[in-house]
């Protein structure tokens, strides 16, 4: 018997403008949706200005649950669309 842990696969992006990297990070963290984690933040600076534009990509990290199956193929078949299999262990 195999037990797999799955969680939803979802991302959200938020764009902010700030005058420093620290301020951009603080603005993004303040807007982090519940159950999500900031995963990527590319930053650009416009020509002739000190204003930074940061696009934060948040990934969902909550909602994990276990599924069980006799073998890996059956486990994969139970994994619903929009979910990722993150661990597999034998029971």
C-alpha atoms as a PDB file:
ATOM      1  CA  UNK A   1       0.000   0.000   0.000  1.00  0.00           C
ATOM      2  CA  UNK A   2       1.287   3.447  -0.919  1.00  0.00           C
ATOM      3  CA  UNK A   3       0.289   6.734   0.665  1.00  0.00           C
ATOM      4  CA  UNK A   4       0.794   9.908  -1.325  1.00  0.00           C
ATOM      5  CA  UNK A   5       0.532  13.444  -0.054  1.00  0.00           C
ATOM      6  CA  UNK A   6      -1.009  15.887  -2.523  1.00  0.00           C
ATOM      7  CA  UNK A   7      -1.613  19.615  -2.411  1.00  0.00           C
ATOM      8  CA  UNK A   8      -3.290  22.137  -4.704  1.00  0.00           C
ATOM      9  CA  UNK A   9      -1.184  23.715  -7.442  1.00  0.00           C
ATOM     10  CA  UNK A  10      -2.099  27.379  -7.626  1.00  0.00           C
ATOM     11  CA  UNK A  11      -0.143  30.563  -8.207  1.00  0.00           C
ATOM     12  CA  UNK A  12      -1.026  34.226  -7.967  1.00  0.00           C
ATOM     13  CA  UNK A  13       0.956  37.282  -8.975  1.00  0.00           C
ATOM     14  CA  UNK A  14       0.906  40.762  -7.518  1.00  0.00           C
ATOM     15  CA  UNK A  15       2.793  43.783  -8.848  1.00  0.00           C
ATOM     16  CA  UNK A  16       4.044  46.538  -6.533  1.00  0.00           C
ATOM     17  CA  UNK A  17       6.159  49.657  -6.912  1.00  0.00           C
ATOM     18  CA  UNK A  18       8.637  50.843  -4.306  1.00  0.00           C
ATOM     19  CA  UNK A  19      11.837  52.833  -3.886  1.00  0.00           C
ATOM     20  CA  UNK A  20      13.845  49.995  -2.303  1.00  0.00           C
ATOM     21  CA  UNK A  21      14.018  46.217  -2.423  1.00  0.00           C
ATOM     22  CA  UNK A  22      13.115  46.019   1.246  1.00  0.00           C
ATOM     23  CA  UNK A  23      10.002  48.156   0.717  1.00  0.00           C
ATOM     24  CA  UNK A  24       8.963  46.055  -2.293  1.00  0.00           C
ATOM     25  CA  UNK A  25       9.360  42.877  -0.251  1.00  0.00           C
ATOM     26  CA  UNK A  26       7.369  44.323   2.651  1.00  0.00           C
ATOM     27  CA  UNK A  27       4.549  45.390   0.300  1.00  0.00           C
ATOM     28  CA  UNK A  28       4.398  41.930  -1.248  1.00  0.00           C
ATOM     29  CA  UNK A  29       4.476  40.124   2.098  1.00  0.00           C
ATOM     30  CA  UNK A  30       1.633  42.355   3.333  1.00  0.00           C
ATOM     31  CA  UNK A  31      -0.485  41.217   0.359  1.00  0.00           C
ATOM     32  CA  UNK A  32       0.340  37.508   0.612  1.00  0.00           C
ATOM     33  CA  UNK A  33      -2.908  35.512   0.345  1.00  0.00           C
ATOM     34  CA  UNK A  34      -3.683  33.091   3.171  1.00  0.00           C
ATOM     35  CA  UNK A  35      -2.160  29.662   2.545  1.00  0.00           C
ATOM     36  CA  UNK A  36       0.352  31.016   0.023  1.00  0.00           C
ATOM     37  CA  UNK A  37       4.092  31.670   0.139  1.00  0.00           C
ATOM     38  CA  UNK A  38       6.158  34.190  -1.828  1.00  0.00           C
ATOM     39  CA  UNK A  39       8.254  32.125  -4.268  1.00  0.00           C
ATOM     40  CA  UNK A  40       9.695  34.518  -6.843  1.00  0.00           C
ATOM     41  CA  UNK A  41      10.104  38.276  -7.138  1.00  0.00           C
ATOM     42  CA  UNK A  42      11.769  39.645 -10.261  1.00  0.00           C
ATOM     43  CA  UNK A  43      12.459  43.374  -9.953  1.00  0.00           C
ATOM     44  CA  UNK A  44      12.953  45.970 -12.680  1.00  0.00           C
ATOM     45  CA  UNK A  45      13.866  49.634 -12.580  1.00  0.00           C
ATOM     46  CA  UNK A  46      12.532  52.100 -15.121  1.00  0.00           C
ATOM     47  CA  UNK A  47      14.891  54.321 -17.096  1.00  0.00           C
ATOM     48  CA  UNK A  48      15.622  57.632 -15.435  1.00  0.00           C
ATOM     49  CA  UNK A  49      13.889  56.765 -12.163  1.00  0.00           C
ATOM     50  CA  UNK A  50      14.643  55.074  -8.856  1.00  0.00           C
ATOM     51  CA  UNK A  51      11.204  53.458  -8.740  1.00  0.00           C
ATOM     52  CA  UNK A  52      11.358  49.659  -8.663  1.00  0.00           C
ATOM     53  CA  UNK A  53       8.622  47.421 -10.014  1.00  0.00           C
ATOM     54  CA  UNK A  54       8.430  44.000  -8.388  1.00  0.00           C
ATOM     55  CA  UNK A  55       6.175  41.178  -9.516  1.00  0.00           C
ATOM     56  CA  UNK A  56       5.667  38.697  -6.723  1.00  0.00           C
ATOM     57  CA  UNK A  57       4.636  35.144  -7.549  1.00  0.00           C
ATOM     58  CA  UNK A  58       2.886  33.399  -4.695  1.00  0.00           C
ATOM     59  CA  UNK A  59       2.460  29.606  -4.617  1.00  0.00           C
ATOM     60  CA  UNK A  60      -0.148  27.760  -2.626  1.00  0.00           C
ATOM     61  CA  UNK A  61       1.274  25.697   0.230  1.00  0.00           C
ATOM     62  CA  UNK A  62      -1.789  24.724   2.278  1.00  0.00           C
ATOM     63  CA  UNK A  63      -4.519  22.158   1.723  1.00  0.00           C
ATOM     64  CA  UNK A  64      -2.328  19.042   1.715  1.00  0.00           C
ATOM     65  CA  UNK A  65      -4.073  15.711   2.100  1.00  0.00           C
ATOM     66  CA  UNK A  66      -3.239  12.027   1.765  1.00  0.00           C
ATOM     67  CA  UNK A  67      -4.440   9.531  -0.836  1.00  0.00           C
ATOM     68  CA  UNK A  68      -3.882   5.748  -0.759  1.00  0.00           C
ATOM     69  CA  UNK A  69      -3.449   3.124  -3.458  1.00  0.00           C
ATOM     70  CA  UNK A  70      -2.004  -0.322  -4.041  1.00  0.00           C
ATOM     71  CA  UNK A  71       0.662   0.857  -6.492  1.00  0.00           C
ATOM     72  CA  UNK A  72       2.128   3.999  -8.058  1.00  0.00           C
ATOM     73  CA  UNK A  73      -0.046   3.858 -11.189  1.00  0.00           C
ATOM     74  CA  UNK A  74      -3.206   3.727  -9.065  1.00  0.00           C
ATOM     75  CA  UNK A  75      -1.873   6.537  -6.884  1.00  0.00           C
ATOM     76  CA  UNK A  76      -1.220   8.716  -9.944  1.00  0.00           C
ATOM     77  CA  UNK A  77      -4.709   7.936 -11.255  1.00  0.00           C
ATOM     78  CA  UNK A  78      -6.242   9.286  -8.026  1.00  0.00           C
ATOM     79  CA  UNK A  79      -4.329  12.566  -8.204  1.00  0.00           C
ATOM     80  CA  UNK A  80      -6.949  15.134  -9.318  1.00  0.00           C
ATOM     81  CA  UNK A  81      -6.274  17.867 -11.883  1.00  0.00           C
ATOM     82  CA  UNK A  82      -4.839  20.969 -10.259  1.00  0.00           C
ATOM     83  CA  UNK A  83      -3.072  18.982  -7.535  1.00  0.00           C
ATOM     84  CA  UNK A  84       0.568  17.891  -7.234  1.00  0.00           C
ATOM     85  CA  UNK A  85       1.855  14.693  -5.691  1.00  0.00           C
ATOM     86  CA  UNK A  86       4.565  15.904  -3.315  1.00  0.00           C
ATOM     87  CA  UNK A  87       5.533  12.755  -1.386  1.00  0.00           C
ATOM     88  CA  UNK A  88       5.034   9.000  -1.636  1.00  0.00           C
ATOM     89  CA  UNK A  89       5.613   6.559   1.190  1.00  0.00           C
ATOM     90  CA  UNK A  90       4.917   2.857   1.795  1.00  0.00           C
ATOM     91  CA  UNK A  91       2.460   1.821   4.450  1.00  0.00           C
END
